[in-house]
Amino acid sequence: MNSIEPNKLTPQEKIWRTDFGENYNIRNMYSNNELDSEYKKAMGISRTEMMQRFVSDFDRNIKILEVGCNIGIMMVNLQEMGFKNLYGIEIQPKAIEHALERTKGLNITEASAYEIPFKDDEFDLVFTTHVLIHLDPEKISTALKEIYRCSGKYIFGNEYYADNLTEIKNYNGQNNIAWKRNFSELYSDLFPDLSLIKEERYPYLSNNNVDTAFLFEK
């Protein structure tokens, strides 16, 4: 597990490494069945059903990287689907500790989305889940370039959607820590060579939020 120089952390990353981040970890300690249930309750579709729509035809031996893997529940979801070569990076040391206690067969490194410690084209698929929303809009292009650089073929995202960049105020008591936008459009604008294979949007059942899920191919 690598360590990150404190002076390289963004304000948002620093917040995630406080009790704010640990409280998030504790709130989200789901089993895979519980994760599916939470997704279905929120959007009417389980996490497994969502991922099957996007990656069901992929070889289970492909090399996958999750950027911002937290305690590993999304990687476990893929593991339960049969995927074997699963790697993650995470900014929170405590989240990594939880992940290592709760999971087996995952490879997790402490690192920032702005400086991913892997080679160009190293992974067949690089993905995020509700992580891009927490990146500073002034710096997000740096992270997307890193995701693009490390992906040899596919990029997947599952994020909050909005037509225009919109700050999510009072996100668990914090401001300047979450923004929703059209992330697939942002990828397309930054990397015109990407082909959008599939995109779906899922309105929340109990509020006005909308999730987007999208898959690009290089």
C-alpha atoms as a PDB file:
ATOM      1  CA  MET A   1       0.000   0.000   0.000  1.00  0.00           C
ATOM      2  CA  ASN A   2       1.489   3.305  -1.084  1.00  0.00           C
ATOM      3  CA  SER A   3       1.319   6.554   0.858  1.00  0.00           C
ATOM      4  CA  ILE A   4       0.497   9.945  -0.615  1.00  0.00           C
ATOM      5  CA  GLU A   5       2.317  13.153   0.171  1.00  0.00           C
ATOM      6  CA  PRO A   6      -0.131  15.355   2.148  1.00  0.00           C
ATOM      7  CA  ASN A   7       0.849  18.462   0.172  1.00  0.00           C
ATOM      8  CA  LYS A   8      -0.413  16.796  -3.016  1.00  0.00           C
ATOM      9  CA  LEU A   9      -3.932  16.239  -1.678  1.00  0.00           C
ATOM     10  CA  THR A  10      -6.796  18.385  -2.942  1.00  0.00           C
ATOM     11  CA  PRO A  11      -9.223  19.929  -0.411  1.00  0.00           C
ATOM     12  CA  GLN A  12     -11.758  17.229  -1.281  1.00  0.00           C
ATOM     13  CA  GLU A  13      -9.238  14.417  -0.807  1.00  0.00           C
ATOM     14  CA  LYS A  14      -8.242  15.834   2.576  1.00  0.00           C
ATOM     15  CA  ILE A  15     -11.877  15.769   3.704  1.00  0.00           C
ATOM     16  CA  TRP A  16     -12.228  12.118   2.696  1.00  0.00           C
ATOM     17  CA  ARG A  17      -9.267  11.230   4.910  1.00  0.00           C
ATOM     18  CA  THR A  18     -11.023  12.605   8.021  1.00  0.00           C
ATOM     19  CA  ASP A  19     -13.921  11.184  10.066  1.00  0.00           C
ATOM     20  CA  PHE A  20     -16.179  12.298   7.207  1.00  0.00           C
ATOM     21  CA  GLY A  21     -14.666   9.531   5.083  1.00  0.00           C
ATOM     22  CA  GLU A  22     -14.744   6.925   7.833  1.00  0.00           C
ATOM     23  CA  ASN A  23     -18.421   7.684   8.516  1.00  0.00           C
ATOM     24  CA  TYR A  24     -19.096   7.107   4.817  1.00  0.00           C
ATOM     25  CA  ASN A  25     -17.247   3.781   4.996  1.00  0.00           C
ATOM     26  CA  ILE A  26     -19.333   2.622   7.957  1.00  0.00           C
ATOM     27  CA  ARG A  27     -22.611   3.638   6.293  1.00  0.00           C
ATOM     28  CA  ASN A  28     -21.773   1.598   3.207  1.00  0.00           C
ATOM     29  CA  MET A  29     -20.587  -1.738   4.573  1.00  0.00           C
ATOM     30  CA  TYR A  30     -22.937  -3.765   2.405  1.00  0.00           C
ATOM     31  CA  SER A  31     -22.708  -7.362   1.340  1.00  0.00           C
ATOM     32  CA  ASN A  32     -23.250  -7.910  -2.372  1.00  0.00           C
ATOM     33  CA  ASN A  33     -26.885  -8.881  -1.750  1.00  0.00           C
ATOM     34  CA  GLU A  34     -27.390  -5.770   0.371  1.00  0.00           C
ATOM     35  CA  LEU A  35     -25.787  -3.626  -2.336  1.00  0.00           C
ATOM     36  CA  ASP A  36     -28.198  -5.043  -4.918  1.00  0.00           C
ATOM     37  CA  SER A  37     -31.090  -4.359  -2.573  1.00  0.00           C
ATOM     38  CA  GLU A  38     -30.010  -0.748  -1.965  1.00  0.00           C
ATOM     39  CA  TYR A  39     -29.712  -0.072  -5.710  1.00  0.00           C
ATOM     40  CA  LYS A  40     -33.107  -1.645  -6.372  1.00  0.00           C
ATOM     41  CA  LYS A  41     -34.696   0.380  -3.598  1.00  0.00           C
ATOM     42  CA  ALA A  42     -33.139   3.595  -4.922  1.00  0.00           C
ATOM     43  CA  MET A  43     -33.564   3.158  -8.696  1.00  0.00           C
ATOM     44  CA  GLY A  44     -35.609   0.027  -9.336  1.00  0.00           C
ATOM     45  CA  ILE A  45     -32.599  -1.895 -10.674  1.00  0.00           C
ATOM     46  CA  SER A  46     -30.019  -3.906  -8.768  1.00  0.00           C
ATOM     47  CA  ARG A  47     -26.309  -3.212  -9.127  1.00  0.00           C
ATOM     48  CA  THR A  48     -25.812  -6.685 -10.606  1.00  0.00           C
ATOM     49  CA  GLU A  49     -28.575  -6.100 -13.168  1.00  0.00           C
ATOM     50  CA  MET A  50     -26.997  -2.773 -14.118  1.00  0.00           C
ATOM     51  CA  MET A  51     -23.548  -4.282 -14.596  1.00  0.00           C
ATOM     52  CA  GLN A  52     -24.920  -7.231 -16.542  1.00  0.00           C
ATOM     53  CA  ARG A  53     -26.360  -4.752 -19.046  1.00  0.00           C
ATOM     54  CA  PHE A  54     -22.886  -3.331 -19.644  1.00  0.00           C
ATOM     55  CA  VAL A  55     -20.281  -6.063 -19.076  1.00  0.00           C
ATOM     56  CA  SER A  56     -22.090  -9.409 -19.219  1.00  0.00           C
ATOM     57  CA  ASP A  57     -20.330 -10.394 -22.466  1.00  0.00           C
ATOM     58  CA  PHE A  58     -16.821  -9.518 -21.235  1.00  0.00           C
ATOM     59  CA  ASP A  59     -14.237 -12.249 -20.651  1.00  0.00           C
ATOM     60  CA  ARG A  60     -14.025 -12.902 -16.902  1.00  0.00           C
ATOM     61  CA  ASN A  61     -10.213 -12.844 -17.072  1.00  0.00           C
ATOM     62  CA  ILE A  62      -9.884  -9.232 -18.231  1.00  0.00           C
ATOM     63  CA  LYS A  63      -7.868  -6.893 -16.007  1.00  0.00           C
ATOM     64  CA  ILE A  64     -10.081  -4.312 -14.287  1.00  0.00           C
ATOM     65  CA  LEU A  65      -9.230  -1.185 -12.283  1.00  0.00           C
ATOM     66  CA  GLU A  66     -11.669   0.696 -10.066  1.00  0.00           C
ATOM     67  CA  VAL A  67     -10.669   4.289  -9.355  1.00  0.00           C
ATOM     68  CA  GLY A  68     -11.910   5.229  -5.888  1.00  0.00           C
ATOM     69  CA  CYS A  69     -12.817   1.722  -4.753  1.00  0.00           C
ATOM     70  CA  ASN A  70     -13.601   2.666  -1.111  1.00  0.00           C
ATOM     71  CA  ILE A  71     -14.114  -0.561   0.876  1.00  0.00           C
ATOM     72  CA  GLY A  72     -14.356  -2.692  -2.266  1.00  0.00           C
ATOM     73  CA  ILE A  73     -18.089  -3.393  -2.520  1.00  0.00           C
ATOM     74  CA  MET A  74     -18.284  -2.602  -6.255  1.00  0.00           C
ATOM     75  CA  MET A  75     -15.270  -4.814  -6.928  1.00  0.00           C
ATOM     76  CA  VAL A  76     -16.922  -7.613  -4.940  1.00  0.00           C
ATOM     77  CA  ASN A  77     -20.004  -7.146  -7.129  1.00  0.00           C
ATOM     78  CA  LEU A  78     -17.850  -7.866 -10.195  1.00  0.00           C
ATOM     79  CA  GLN A  79     -16.136 -10.704  -8.346  1.00  0.00           C
ATOM     80  CA  GLU A  80     -19.540 -12.289  -7.676  1.00  0.00           C
ATOM     81  CA  MET A  81     -20.200 -12.011 -11.434  1.00  0.00           C
ATOM     82  CA  GLY A  82     -17.071 -14.093 -12.059  1.00  0.00           C
ATOM     83  CA  PHE A  83     -14.441 -11.441 -12.827  1.00  0.00           C
ATOM     84  CA  LYS A  84     -11.030 -12.431 -11.447  1.00  0.00           C
ATOM     85  CA  ASN A  85      -8.354  -9.767 -12.053  1.00  0.00           C
ATOM     86  CA  LEU A  86      -9.616  -6.872  -9.937  1.00  0.00           C
ATOM     87  CA  TYR A  87      -7.532  -3.885  -8.889  1.00  0.00           C
ATOM     88  CA  GLY A  88      -8.483  -0.702  -7.069  1.00  0.00           C
ATOM     89  CA  ILE A  89      -7.023   2.589  -5.943  1.00  0.00           C
ATOM     90  CA  GLU A  90      -8.376   4.506  -2.966  1.00  0.00           C
ATOM     91  CA  ILE A  91      -7.481   7.781  -1.237  1.00  0.00           C
ATOM     92  CA  GLN A  92      -8.573   6.684   2.261  1.00  0.00           C
ATOM     93  CA  PRO A  93      -6.213   4.427   4.255  1.00  0.00           C
ATOM     94  CA  LYS A  94      -9.071   3.395   6.585  1.00  0.00           C
ATOM     95  CA  ALA A  95     -11.230   2.356   3.641  1.00  0.00           C
ATOM     96  CA  ILE A  96      -8.401   0.157   2.389  1.00  0.00           C
ATOM     97  CA  GLU A  97      -8.094  -1.425   5.841  1.00  0.00           C
ATOM     98  CA  HIS A  98     -11.810  -2.243   5.811  1.00  0.00           C
ATOM     99  CA  ALA A  99     -11.549  -3.635   2.272  1.00  0.00           C
ATOM    100  CA  LEU A 100      -8.671  -5.938   3.186  1.00  0.00           C
ATOM    101  CA  GLU A 101     -10.582  -7.183   6.248  1.00  0.00           C
ATOM    102  CA  ARG A 102     -13.813  -7.808   4.348  1.00  0.00           C
ATOM    103  CA  THR A 103     -12.663  -9.159   0.973  1.00  0.00           C
ATOM    104  CA  LYS A 104     -10.362 -11.699  -0.655  1.00  0.00           C
ATOM    105  CA  GLY A 105      -8.574 -11.679  -4.006  1.00  0.00           C
ATOM    106  CA  LEU A 106      -8.635  -7.897  -4.552  1.00  0.00           C
ATOM    107  CA  ASN A 107      -5.538  -5.791  -5.229  1.00  0.00           C
ATOM    108  CA  ILE A 108      -5.900  -2.341  -3.649  1.00  0.00           C
ATOM    109  CA  THR A 109      -3.371   0.503  -3.629  1.00  0.00           C
ATOM    110  CA  GLU A 110      -3.486   3.841  -1.824  1.00  0.00           C
ATOM    111  CA  ALA A 111      -3.415   6.410  -4.626  1.00  0.00           C
ATOM    112  CA  SER A 112      -5.152   9.450  -6.072  1.00  0.00           C
ATOM    113  CA  ALA A 113      -7.255   9.576  -9.220  1.00  0.00           C
ATOM    114  CA  TYR A 114      -5.070  12.477 -10.301  1.00  0.00           C
ATOM    115  CA  GLU A 115      -1.944  10.280 -10.333  1.00  0.00           C
ATOM    116  CA  ILE A 116      -2.784   6.634 -11.019  1.00  0.00           C
ATOM    117  CA  PRO A 117       0.295   4.457 -10.355  1.00  0.00           C
ATOM    118  CA  PHE A 118      -0.111   2.102 -13.305  1.00  0.00           C
ATOM    119  CA  LYS A 119       1.243   1.908 -16.843  1.00  0.00           C
ATOM    120  CA  ASP A 120      -0.414   3.165 -20.015  1.00  0.00           C
ATOM    121  CA  ASP A 121      -3.093   0.768 -21.332  1.00  0.00           C
ATOM    122  CA  GLU A 122      -2.504  -1.613 -18.402  1.00  0.00           C
ATOM    123  CA  PHE A 123      -6.169  -2.433 -17.851  1.00  0.00           C
ATOM    124  CA  ASP A 124      -8.852  -3.739 -20.167  1.00  0.00           C
ATOM    125  CA  LEU A 125     -11.492  -1.806 -18.214  1.00  0.00           C
ATOM    126  CA  VAL A 126     -11.210   1.192 -15.874  1.00  0.00           C
ATOM    127  CA  PHE A 127     -14.310   2.306 -13.986  1.00  0.00           C
ATOM    128  CA  THR A 128     -15.720   4.646 -11.347  1.00  0.00           C
ATOM    129  CA  THR A 129     -18.876   4.596  -9.255  1.00  0.00           C
ATOM    130  CA  HIS A 130     -19.995   7.859  -7.652  1.00  0.00           C
ATOM    131  CA  VAL A 131     -16.369   9.024  -7.572  1.00  0.00           C
ATOM    132  CA  LEU A 132     -16.154  11.537 -10.415  1.00  0.00           C
ATOM    133  CA  ILE A 133     -18.834  13.542  -8.603  1.00  0.00           C
ATOM    134  CA  HIS A 134     -16.304  14.232  -5.832  1.00  0.00           C
ATOM    135  CA  LEU A 135     -13.554  15.613  -8.057  1.00  0.00           C
ATOM    136  CA  ASP A 136     -12.958  19.359  -8.229  1.00  0.00           C
ATOM    137  CA  PRO A 137     -14.479  20.575 -11.533  1.00  0.00           C
ATOM    138  CA  GLU A 138     -11.325  22.625 -12.077  1.00  0.00           C
ATOM    139  CA  LYS A 139      -9.151  19.487 -11.842  1.00  0.00           C
ATOM    140  CA  ILE A 140     -11.367  16.660 -13.053  1.00  0.00           C
ATOM    141  CA  SER A 141      -9.846  16.630 -16.527  1.00  0.00           C
ATOM    142  CA  THR A 142      -6.526  15.547 -14.959  1.00  0.00           C
ATOM    143  CA  ALA A 143      -8.207  12.491 -13.430  1.00  0.00           C
ATOM    144  CA  LEU A 144     -10.084  11.626 -16.620  1.00  0.00           C
ATOM    145  CA  LYS A 145      -6.828  11.790 -18.561  1.00  0.00           C
ATOM    146  CA  GLU A 146      -5.312   9.350 -16.076  1.00  0.00           C
ATOM    147  CA  ILE A 147      -8.297   6.998 -16.432  1.00  0.00           C
ATOM    148  CA  TYR A 148      -8.035   7.239 -20.211  1.00  0.00           C
ATOM    149  CA  ARG A 149      -4.272   6.640 -20.100  1.00  0.00           C
ATOM    150  CA  CYS A 150      -4.547   3.456 -18.011  1.00  0.00           C
ATOM    151  CA  SER A 151      -7.391   1.945 -20.022  1.00  0.00           C
ATOM    152  CA  GLY A 152      -6.414  -0.242 -22.917  1.00  0.00           C
ATOM    153  CA  LYS A 153      -9.972  -0.612 -24.182  1.00  0.00           C
ATOM    154  CA  TYR A 154     -13.007   0.231 -22.017  1.00  0.00           C
ATOM    155  CA  ILE A 155     -14.080   2.984 -19.609  1.00  0.00           C
ATOM    156  CA  PHE A 156     -17.230   2.581 -17.510  1.00  0.00           C
ATOM    157  CA  GLY A 157     -18.867   5.095 -15.195  1.00  0.00           C
ATOM    158  CA  ASN A 158     -21.866   5.180 -12.869  1.00  0.00           C
ATOM    159  CA  GLU A 159     -22.370   8.713 -11.554  1.00  0.00           C
ATOM    160  CA  TYR A 160     -25.025  11.281 -10.646  1.00  0.00           C
ATOM    161  CA  TYR A 161     -26.337  12.997 -13.776  1.00  0.00           C
ATOM    162  CA  ALA A 162     -27.286  16.610 -14.502  1.00  0.00           C
ATOM    163  CA  ASP A 163     -27.615  18.500 -17.795  1.00  0.00           C
ATOM    164  CA  ASN A 164     -25.250  21.171 -16.465  1.00  0.00           C
ATOM    165  CA  LEU A 165     -22.537  21.265 -13.794  1.00  0.00           C
ATOM    166  CA  THR A 166     -24.399  21.532 -10.476  1.00  0.00           C
ATOM    167  CA  GLU A 167     -22.954  21.487  -6.990  1.00  0.00           C
ATOM    168  CA  ILE A 168     -24.690  19.112  -4.574  1.00  0.00           C
ATOM    169  CA  LYS A 169     -25.025  21.387  -1.581  1.00  0.00           C
ATOM    170  CA  ASN A 170     -24.794  20.064   1.977  1.00  0.00           C
ATOM    171  CA  TYR A 171     -23.577  16.632   0.883  1.00  0.00           C
ATOM    172  CA  ASN A 172     -23.597  14.833   4.241  1.00  0.00           C
ATOM    173  CA  GLY A 173     -22.964  18.190   5.871  1.00  0.00           C
ATOM    174  CA  GLN A 174     -20.226  19.349   3.474  1.00  0.00           C
ATOM    175  CA  ASN A 175     -20.085  21.808   0.599  1.00  0.00           C
ATOM    176  CA  ASN A 176     -17.440  21.952  -2.128  1.00  0.00           C
ATOM    177  CA  ILE A 177     -17.273  18.161  -2.191  1.00  0.00           C
ATOM    178  CA  ALA A 178     -19.823  16.902  -4.740  1.00  0.00           C
ATOM    179  CA  TRP A 179     -20.999  17.959  -8.211  1.00  0.00           C
ATOM    180  CA  LYS A 180     -23.279  16.287 -10.729  1.00  0.00           C
ATOM    181  CA  ARG A 181     -23.045  16.817 -14.478  1.00  0.00           C
ATOM    182  CA  ASN A 182     -23.120  15.020 -17.830  1.00  0.00           C
ATOM    183  CA  PHE A 183     -19.968  12.948 -17.311  1.00  0.00           C
ATOM    184  CA  SER A 184     -20.242  10.944 -20.526  1.00  0.00           C
ATOM    185  CA  GLU A 185     -20.362  14.194 -22.485  1.00  0.00           C
ATOM    186  CA  LEU A 186     -17.277  15.388 -20.616  1.00  0.00           C
ATOM    187  CA  TYR A 187     -15.406  12.218 -21.617  1.00  0.00           C
ATOM    188  CA  SER A 188     -16.498  12.653 -25.231  1.00  0.00           C
ATOM    189  CA  ASP A 189     -15.377  16.268 -25.293  1.00  0.00           C
ATOM    190  CA  LEU A 190     -11.964  15.437 -23.839  1.00  0.00           C
ATOM    191  CA  PHE A 191     -11.369  12.294 -25.907  1.00  0.00           C
ATOM    192  CA  PRO A 192     -13.063  12.470 -29.333  1.00  0.00           C
ATOM    193  CA  ASP A 193     -11.674   9.042 -30.250  1.00  0.00           C
ATOM    194  CA  LEU A 194     -13.817   7.321 -27.589  1.00  0.00           C
ATOM    195  CA  SER A 195     -16.898   5.516 -28.873  1.00  0.00           C
ATOM    196  CA  LEU A 196     -19.932   5.529 -26.596  1.00  0.00           C
ATOM    197  CA  ILE A 197     -21.157   1.937 -26.684  1.00  0.00           C
ATOM    198  CA  LYS A 198     -24.044   2.295 -24.253  1.00  0.00           C
ATOM    199  CA  GLU A 199     -25.560   4.795 -21.829  1.00  0.00           C
ATOM    200  CA  GLU A 200     -28.577   4.482 -19.554  1.00  0.00           C
ATOM    201  CA  ARG A 201     -30.117   6.826 -16.998  1.00  0.00           C
ATOM    202  CA  TYR A 202     -31.928   5.735 -13.865  1.00  0.00           C
ATOM    203  CA  PRO A 203     -34.204   8.195 -12.038  1.00  0.00           C
ATOM    204  CA  TYR A 204     -34.289   7.742  -8.279  1.00  0.00           C
ATOM    205  CA  LEU A 205     -37.623   6.571  -6.914  1.00  0.00           C
ATOM    206  CA  SER A 206     -37.717   8.798  -3.829  1.00  0.00           C
ATOM    207  CA  ASN A 207     -36.064  12.063  -4.964  1.00  0.00           C
ATOM    208  CA  ASN A 208     -35.117  14.074  -8.041  1.00  0.00           C
ATOM    209  CA  ASN A 209     -31.663  12.571  -8.536  1.00  0.00           C
ATOM    210  CA  VAL A 210     -30.769  10.659 -11.690  1.00  0.00           C
ATOM    211  CA  ASP A 211     -27.915   8.195 -12.115  1.00  0.00           C
ATOM    212  CA  THR A 212     -26.139   7.699 -15.415  1.00  0.00           C
ATOM    213  CA  ALA A 213     -24.214   4.592 -16.434  1.00  0.00           C
ATOM    214  CA  PHE A 214     -22.067   4.640 -19.557  1.00  0.00           C
ATOM    215  CA  LEU A 215     -19.519   2.491 -21.353  1.00  0.00           C
ATOM    216  CA  PHE A 216     -16.882   3.796 -23.760  1.00  0.00           C
ATOM    217  CA  GLU A 217     -14.498   1.909 -26.022  1.00  0.00           C
ATOM    218  CA  LYS A 218     -11.129   3.276 -27.128  1.00  0.00           C
END
